[in-house]
């Protein structure tokens, strides 16, 4: 018995975790306005600046944003949430998402730490300081 394919929302959250080292608690609360199509493709606003999302990761996130689940209820059709839950006006639950990621082989805390370690090796200190101060 292999792993079952996960919904696009969980894949998009996993991508944000792996690429940008964002905590699941921050990712699930993101709003649609945090994503835009830039000149070079899909971008995400993490803090003050827009950051490019590389392909093919951008394709997965784009697919999720275009087909967000649970927007068919009368109270939820225009939800500004990028990761809405089944409850109108609420985001996906952090613990549920973390559990699904862990079951898929992506432990959230360890993955986030590895992503930050990689960024520390490649990023100028002043940029990291801005990212850490933007809470």
N, C-alpha and C. Protein backbone atom coordinates (compact mmCIF):
# COMPACT_ATOMS: atom_id res chain seq x y z
N UNK A 1 0.84 -1.17 0.00
CA UNK A 1 0.00 0.00 0.00
C UNK A 1 0.89 1.24 0.00
N UNK A 2 0.84 2.06 -1.05
CA UNK A 2 1.66 3.26 -1.17
C UNK A 2 0.95 4.47 -0.60
N UNK A 3 1.63 5.59 -0.63
CA UNK A 3 1.04 6.84 -0.16
C UNK A 3 -0.04 7.28 -1.13
N UNK A 4 -1.13 7.77 -0.59
CA UNK A 4 -2.20 8.30 -1.41
C UNK A 4 -1.85 9.72 -1.83
N UNK A 5 -2.22 10.13 -3.04
CA UNK A 5 -1.97 11.51 -3.44
C UNK A 5 -2.69 12.47 -2.49
N UNK A 6 -2.03 13.53 -2.13
CA UNK A 6 -2.60 14.51 -1.21
C UNK A 6 -3.28 15.61 -2.00
N UNK A 7 -4.28 16.24 -1.38
CA UNK A 7 -4.93 17.38 -2.05
C UNK A 7 -3.91 18.47 -2.37
N UNK A 8 -4.23 19.27 -3.36
CA UNK A 8 -3.32 20.34 -3.79
C UNK A 8 -2.98 21.27 -2.65
N UNK A 9 -3.90 21.50 -1.72
CA UNK A 9 -3.62 22.39 -0.59
C UNK A 9 -2.46 21.87 0.24
N UNK A 10 -2.45 20.58 0.51
CA UNK A 10 -1.38 20.01 1.31
C UNK A 10 -0.05 20.02 0.56
N UNK A 11 -0.10 19.79 -0.74
CA UNK A 11 1.12 19.86 -1.54
C UNK A 11 1.65 21.29 -1.57
N UNK A 12 0.75 22.27 -1.72
CA UNK A 12 1.16 23.68 -1.75
C UNK A 12 1.77 24.09 -0.41
N UNK A 13 1.16 23.67 0.69
CA UNK A 13 1.70 23.99 2.01
C UNK A 13 3.08 23.34 2.18
N UNK A 14 3.22 22.10 1.77
CA UNK A 14 4.51 21.42 1.84
C UNK A 14 5.58 22.15 1.05
N UNK A 15 5.22 22.65 -0.10
CA UNK A 15 6.16 23.40 -0.93
C UNK A 15 6.60 24.68 -0.22
N UNK A 16 5.65 25.40 0.35
CA UNK A 16 5.98 26.64 1.06
C UNK A 16 6.91 26.35 2.25
N UNK A 17 6.67 25.24 2.91
CA UNK A 17 7.49 24.83 4.04
C UNK A 17 8.91 24.50 3.60
N UNK A 18 9.02 23.69 2.55
CA UNK A 18 10.33 23.24 2.09
C UNK A 18 11.13 24.37 1.44
N UNK A 19 10.49 25.16 0.58
CA UNK A 19 11.22 26.21 -0.14
C UNK A 19 11.56 27.42 0.71
N UNK A 20 10.62 27.82 1.57
CA UNK A 20 10.79 29.09 2.26
C UNK A 20 10.91 28.98 3.77
N UNK A 21 10.83 27.77 4.31
CA UNK A 21 11.02 27.58 5.75
C UNK A 21 9.98 28.29 6.60
N UNK A 22 8.81 28.51 6.03
CA UNK A 22 7.75 29.17 6.79
C UNK A 22 7.06 28.17 7.72
N UNK A 23 6.67 28.60 8.91
CA UNK A 23 5.94 27.67 9.80
C UNK A 23 4.56 27.37 9.23
N UNK A 24 4.10 26.17 9.47
CA UNK A 24 2.78 25.77 8.99
C UNK A 24 1.72 26.74 9.51
N UNK A 25 1.88 27.20 10.75
CA UNK A 25 0.91 28.13 11.32
C UNK A 25 0.82 29.44 10.54
N UNK A 26 1.90 29.87 9.94
CA UNK A 26 1.88 31.09 9.11
C UNK A 26 1.33 30.78 7.72
N UNK A 27 1.71 29.64 7.17
CA UNK A 27 1.28 29.29 5.82
C UNK A 27 -0.24 29.17 5.75
N UNK A 28 -0.84 28.46 6.70
CA UNK A 28 -2.29 28.24 6.62
C UNK A 28 -3.09 29.52 6.78
N UNK A 29 -2.50 30.57 7.34
CA UNK A 29 -3.23 31.83 7.51
C UNK A 29 -3.02 32.81 6.36
N UNK A 30 -2.25 32.39 5.36
CA UNK A 30 -1.99 33.29 4.23
C UNK A 30 -3.28 33.61 3.48
N UNK A 31 -3.31 34.80 2.93
CA UNK A 31 -4.47 35.24 2.17
C UNK A 31 -4.11 35.27 0.68
N UNK A 32 -5.12 35.31 -0.14
CA UNK A 32 -4.92 35.31 -1.59
C UNK A 32 -4.04 36.48 -2.03
N UNK A 33 -4.14 37.60 -1.36
CA UNK A 33 -3.37 38.78 -1.74
C UNK A 33 -1.86 38.59 -1.52
N UNK A 34 -1.46 37.52 -0.85
CA UNK A 34 -0.03 37.24 -0.65
C UNK A 34 0.58 36.56 -1.87
N UNK A 35 -0.22 36.26 -2.88
CA UNK A 35 0.26 35.62 -4.10
C UNK A 35 -0.08 36.51 -5.29
N UNK A 36 0.83 36.56 -6.25
CA UNK A 36 0.56 37.32 -7.48
C UNK A 36 1.41 36.75 -8.61
N UNK A 37 0.94 37.02 -9.82
CA UNK A 37 1.73 36.69 -11.00
C UNK A 37 2.63 37.88 -11.28
N UNK A 38 3.93 37.66 -11.21
CA UNK A 38 4.91 38.70 -11.52
C UNK A 38 5.39 38.55 -12.95
N UNK A 39 6.38 39.35 -13.31
CA UNK A 39 6.93 39.28 -14.67
C UNK A 39 7.55 37.92 -14.97
N UNK A 40 8.15 37.31 -13.94
CA UNK A 40 8.84 36.03 -14.15
C UNK A 40 8.06 34.85 -13.63
N UNK A 41 6.79 35.02 -13.28
CA UNK A 41 5.99 33.91 -12.79
C UNK A 41 5.36 34.21 -11.44
N UNK A 42 4.90 33.17 -10.78
CA UNK A 42 4.20 33.30 -9.51
C UNK A 42 5.14 33.80 -8.42
N UNK A 43 4.62 34.72 -7.62
CA UNK A 43 5.38 35.28 -6.50
C UNK A 43 4.54 35.20 -5.24
N UNK A 44 5.25 35.19 -4.10
CA UNK A 44 4.60 35.19 -2.80
C UNK A 44 5.22 36.32 -1.98
N UNK A 45 4.39 36.97 -1.19
CA UNK A 45 4.89 38.04 -0.32
C UNK A 45 5.11 37.46 1.07
N UNK A 46 6.37 37.36 1.44
CA UNK A 46 6.77 36.89 2.76
C UNK A 46 7.45 38.07 3.44
N UNK A 47 6.73 38.74 4.29
CA UNK A 47 7.29 39.95 4.90
C UNK A 47 7.04 41.14 4.00
N UNK A 48 8.10 41.91 3.75
CA UNK A 48 7.96 43.15 2.96
C UNK A 48 8.12 42.95 1.46
N UNK A 49 8.81 41.89 1.07
CA UNK A 49 9.18 41.73 -0.33
C UNK A 49 8.48 40.56 -1.00
N UNK A 50 8.34 40.68 -2.32
CA UNK A 50 7.80 39.60 -3.13
C UNK A 50 8.95 38.67 -3.50
N UNK A 51 8.68 37.37 -3.44
CA UNK A 51 9.68 36.35 -3.73
C UNK A 51 9.16 35.44 -4.84
N UNK A 52 10.01 35.17 -5.81
CA UNK A 52 9.63 34.27 -6.90
C UNK A 52 9.50 32.84 -6.39
N UNK A 53 8.49 32.15 -6.89
CA UNK A 53 8.32 30.73 -6.60
C UNK A 53 8.75 29.98 -7.86
N UNK A 54 9.77 29.15 -7.75
CA UNK A 54 10.27 28.47 -8.95
C UNK A 54 9.29 27.42 -9.47
N UNK A 55 9.36 27.22 -10.78
CA UNK A 55 8.60 26.12 -11.40
C UNK A 55 9.35 24.82 -11.11
N UNK A 56 8.74 23.70 -11.01
CA UNK A 56 7.32 23.41 -11.12
C UNK A 56 6.53 23.63 -9.83
N UNK A 57 7.19 24.08 -8.76
CA UNK A 57 6.48 24.33 -7.50
C UNK A 57 5.37 25.36 -7.70
N UNK A 58 5.64 26.39 -8.49
CA UNK A 58 4.64 27.43 -8.74
C UNK A 58 3.39 26.84 -9.39
N UNK A 59 3.55 25.86 -10.25
CA UNK A 59 2.40 25.23 -10.92
C UNK A 59 1.48 24.56 -9.90
N UNK A 60 2.05 23.91 -8.91
CA UNK A 60 1.25 23.24 -7.87
C UNK A 60 0.49 24.28 -7.05
N UNK A 61 1.16 25.36 -6.68
CA UNK A 61 0.51 26.41 -5.88
C UNK A 61 -0.55 27.11 -6.71
N UNK A 62 -0.24 27.40 -7.97
CA UNK A 62 -1.22 28.02 -8.86
C UNK A 62 -2.48 27.16 -8.98
N UNK A 63 -2.28 25.85 -9.15
CA UNK A 63 -3.42 24.93 -9.26
C UNK A 63 -4.26 24.98 -7.99
N UNK A 64 -3.61 24.94 -6.84
CA UNK A 64 -4.37 25.01 -5.58
C UNK A 64 -5.15 26.31 -5.48
N UNK A 65 -4.50 27.44 -5.76
CA UNK A 65 -5.17 28.74 -5.62
C UNK A 65 -6.36 28.87 -6.56
N UNK A 66 -6.26 28.26 -7.72
CA UNK A 66 -7.36 28.32 -8.69
C UNK A 66 -8.50 27.38 -8.35
N UNK A 67 -8.23 26.37 -7.53
CA UNK A 67 -9.26 25.37 -7.23
C UNK A 67 -9.39 25.12 -5.74
N UNK A 68 -9.26 26.18 -4.95
CA UNK A 68 -9.36 26.03 -3.50
C UNK A 68 -10.65 25.31 -3.14
N UNK A 69 -10.54 24.33 -2.24
CA UNK A 69 -11.73 23.57 -1.85
C UNK A 69 -12.61 24.36 -0.88
N UNK A 70 -13.81 23.86 -0.71
CA UNK A 70 -14.74 24.35 0.31
C UNK A 70 -15.15 25.81 0.11
N UNK A 71 -15.22 26.26 -1.14
CA UNK A 71 -15.69 27.61 -1.40
C UNK A 71 -17.10 27.61 -1.97
N UNK A 72 -17.73 26.45 -2.02
CA UNK A 72 -19.05 26.36 -2.64
C UNK A 72 -20.19 26.65 -1.69
N UNK A 73 -19.91 26.87 -0.41
CA UNK A 73 -20.98 27.18 0.53
C UNK A 73 -21.38 28.64 0.39
N UNK A 74 -22.58 28.95 0.81
CA UNK A 74 -23.09 30.32 0.69
C UNK A 74 -22.24 31.31 1.47
N UNK A 75 -21.64 30.89 2.57
CA UNK A 75 -20.86 31.79 3.40
C UNK A 75 -19.41 31.92 2.96
N UNK A 76 -18.97 31.13 2.01
CA UNK A 76 -17.54 31.06 1.70
C UNK A 76 -17.13 31.34 0.26
N UNK A 77 -18.00 31.71 -0.66
CA UNK A 77 -17.58 31.74 -2.07
C UNK A 77 -16.49 32.76 -2.39
N UNK A 78 -16.40 33.83 -1.63
CA UNK A 78 -15.41 34.87 -1.90
C UNK A 78 -14.33 34.92 -0.83
N UNK A 79 -14.04 33.80 -0.23
CA UNK A 79 -13.06 33.77 0.86
C UNK A 79 -11.71 34.32 0.41
N UNK A 80 -11.13 35.23 1.21
CA UNK A 80 -9.80 35.75 0.89
C UNK A 80 -8.69 34.80 1.35
N UNK A 81 -9.04 33.71 2.00
CA UNK A 81 -8.06 32.79 2.55
C UNK A 81 -7.46 31.91 1.45
N UNK A 82 -6.15 31.79 1.44
CA UNK A 82 -5.50 30.93 0.46
C UNK A 82 -5.68 29.46 0.82
N UNK A 83 -5.86 29.17 2.12
CA UNK A 83 -6.01 27.79 2.58
C UNK A 83 -7.23 27.67 3.49
N UNK A 84 -8.44 27.85 2.89
CA UNK A 84 -9.65 27.80 3.72
C UNK A 84 -9.96 26.38 4.19
N UNK A 85 -10.66 26.30 5.32
CA UNK A 85 -11.08 24.99 5.82
C UNK A 85 -12.52 24.74 5.39
N UNK A 86 -13.08 23.67 5.90
CA UNK A 86 -14.49 23.37 5.61
C UNK A 86 -15.42 24.29 6.39
N UNK A 87 -14.88 24.95 7.41
CA UNK A 87 -15.66 25.88 8.22
C UNK A 87 -15.54 27.27 7.60
N UNK A 88 -16.63 27.89 7.20
CA UNK A 88 -16.56 29.21 6.56
C UNK A 88 -15.78 30.22 7.39
N UNK A 89 -14.88 30.93 6.74
CA UNK A 89 -14.11 31.97 7.40
C UNK A 89 -12.92 31.48 8.21
N UNK A 90 -12.69 30.18 8.21
CA UNK A 90 -11.58 29.62 8.99
C UNK A 90 -10.54 29.01 8.07
N UNK A 91 -9.29 29.01 8.57
CA UNK A 91 -8.21 28.41 7.81
C UNK A 91 -8.11 26.92 8.12
N UNK A 92 -7.34 26.22 7.33
CA UNK A 92 -7.08 24.82 7.62
C UNK A 92 -6.43 24.73 9.00
N UNK A 93 -6.65 23.63 9.69
CA UNK A 93 -6.13 23.48 11.04
C UNK A 93 -4.66 23.08 11.01
N UNK A 94 -3.84 23.82 11.76
CA UNK A 94 -2.39 23.62 11.76
C UNK A 94 -2.01 22.18 12.09
N UNK A 95 -2.60 21.62 13.13
CA UNK A 95 -2.23 20.27 13.55
C UNK A 95 -2.62 19.22 12.52
N UNK A 96 -3.77 19.40 11.90
CA UNK A 96 -4.19 18.46 10.85
C UNK A 96 -3.23 18.49 9.68
N UNK A 97 -2.85 19.68 9.25
CA UNK A 97 -1.92 19.82 8.13
C UNK A 97 -0.57 19.23 8.51
N UNK A 98 -0.07 19.54 9.70
CA UNK A 98 1.23 19.01 10.14
C UNK A 98 1.21 17.48 10.19
N UNK A 99 0.10 16.91 10.62
CA UNK A 99 -0.02 15.45 10.67
C UNK A 99 0.03 14.86 9.26
N UNK A 100 -0.69 15.45 8.34
CA UNK A 100 -0.70 14.95 6.96
C UNK A 100 0.68 15.08 6.34
N UNK A 101 1.36 16.19 6.59
CA UNK A 101 2.71 16.35 6.06
C UNK A 101 3.65 15.30 6.64
N UNK A 102 3.56 15.09 7.95
CA UNK A 102 4.42 14.10 8.61
C UNK A 102 4.16 12.70 8.04
N UNK A 103 2.88 12.35 7.84
CA UNK A 103 2.54 11.04 7.27
C UNK A 103 3.05 10.90 5.83
N UNK A 104 3.26 12.04 5.18
CA UNK A 104 3.79 12.03 3.81
C UNK A 104 5.31 12.06 3.79
N UNK A 105 5.92 12.05 4.97
CA UNK A 105 7.38 12.06 5.04
C UNK A 105 7.99 13.43 5.13
N UNK A 106 7.19 14.44 5.47
CA UNK A 106 7.70 15.81 5.59
C UNK A 106 7.45 16.29 7.03
N UNK A 107 8.41 16.02 7.94
CA UNK A 107 8.24 16.51 9.31
C UNK A 107 8.42 18.03 9.33
N UNK A 108 7.40 18.76 9.73
CA UNK A 108 7.37 20.22 9.61
C UNK A 108 8.55 20.91 10.29
N UNK A 109 8.81 20.61 11.54
CA UNK A 109 9.88 21.32 12.26
C UNK A 109 11.26 21.03 11.65
N UNK A 110 11.55 19.77 11.39
CA UNK A 110 12.86 19.42 10.83
C UNK A 110 13.02 20.02 9.44
N UNK A 111 11.97 19.99 8.64
CA UNK A 111 12.02 20.53 7.29
C UNK A 111 12.25 22.03 7.32
N UNK A 112 11.54 22.70 8.21
CA UNK A 112 11.70 24.16 8.34
C UNK A 112 13.13 24.50 8.75
N UNK A 113 13.67 23.75 9.71
CA UNK A 113 15.05 24.00 10.16
C UNK A 113 16.05 23.80 9.02
N UNK A 114 15.85 22.74 8.24
CA UNK A 114 16.77 22.49 7.11
C UNK A 114 16.66 23.60 6.07
N UNK A 115 15.46 24.08 5.82
CA UNK A 115 15.28 25.15 4.85
C UNK A 115 16.01 26.41 5.31
N UNK A 116 15.89 26.75 6.59
CA UNK A 116 16.58 27.93 7.12
C UNK A 116 18.08 27.75 7.09
N UNK A 117 18.57 26.56 7.41
CA UNK A 117 20.02 26.32 7.37
C UNK A 117 20.55 26.54 5.96
N UNK A 118 19.81 26.08 4.97
CA UNK A 118 20.23 26.28 3.58
C UNK A 118 20.20 27.77 3.23
N UNK A 119 19.17 28.47 3.65
CA UNK A 119 19.09 29.91 3.37
C UNK A 119 20.23 30.67 4.04
N UNK A 120 20.59 30.28 5.26
CA UNK A 120 21.68 30.94 5.98
C UNK A 120 22.98 30.80 5.20
N UNK A 121 23.19 29.65 4.57
CA UNK A 121 24.40 29.43 3.79
C UNK A 121 24.44 30.28 2.52
N UNK A 122 23.28 30.64 1.98
CA UNK A 122 23.23 31.30 0.68
C UNK A 122 22.84 32.76 0.72
N UNK A 123 22.36 33.26 1.84
CA UNK A 123 21.77 34.59 1.89
C UNK A 123 22.65 35.56 2.68
N UNK A 124 22.77 36.80 2.20
CA UNK A 124 23.52 37.79 2.96
C UNK A 124 22.88 38.02 4.34
N UNK A 125 23.69 38.26 5.36
CA UNK A 125 23.17 38.44 6.71
C UNK A 125 22.10 39.52 6.84
N UNK A 126 22.24 40.62 6.11
CA UNK A 126 21.25 41.70 6.24
C UNK A 126 19.87 41.26 5.75
N UNK A 127 19.83 40.44 4.72
CA UNK A 127 18.55 39.93 4.22
C UNK A 127 17.92 38.98 5.24
N UNK A 128 18.72 38.10 5.83
CA UNK A 128 18.21 37.20 6.85
C UNK A 128 17.69 37.98 8.05
N UNK A 129 18.41 39.02 8.45
CA UNK A 129 17.97 39.82 9.60
C UNK A 129 16.60 40.43 9.32
N UNK A 130 16.39 40.95 8.12
CA UNK A 130 15.07 41.49 7.77
C UNK A 130 14.00 40.42 7.82
N UNK A 131 14.31 39.24 7.31
CA UNK A 131 13.33 38.15 7.29
C UNK A 131 12.97 37.72 8.70
N UNK A 132 13.95 37.65 9.58
CA UNK A 132 13.69 37.22 10.95
C UNK A 132 12.95 38.27 11.77
N UNK A 133 13.15 39.53 11.44
CA UNK A 133 12.49 40.61 12.19
C UNK A 133 11.07 40.87 11.74
N UNK A 134 10.64 40.27 10.63
CA UNK A 134 9.33 40.61 10.08
C UNK A 134 8.19 39.85 10.73
N UNK A 135 8.45 38.93 11.62
CA UNK A 135 7.45 38.20 12.38
C UNK A 135 6.16 38.10 11.76
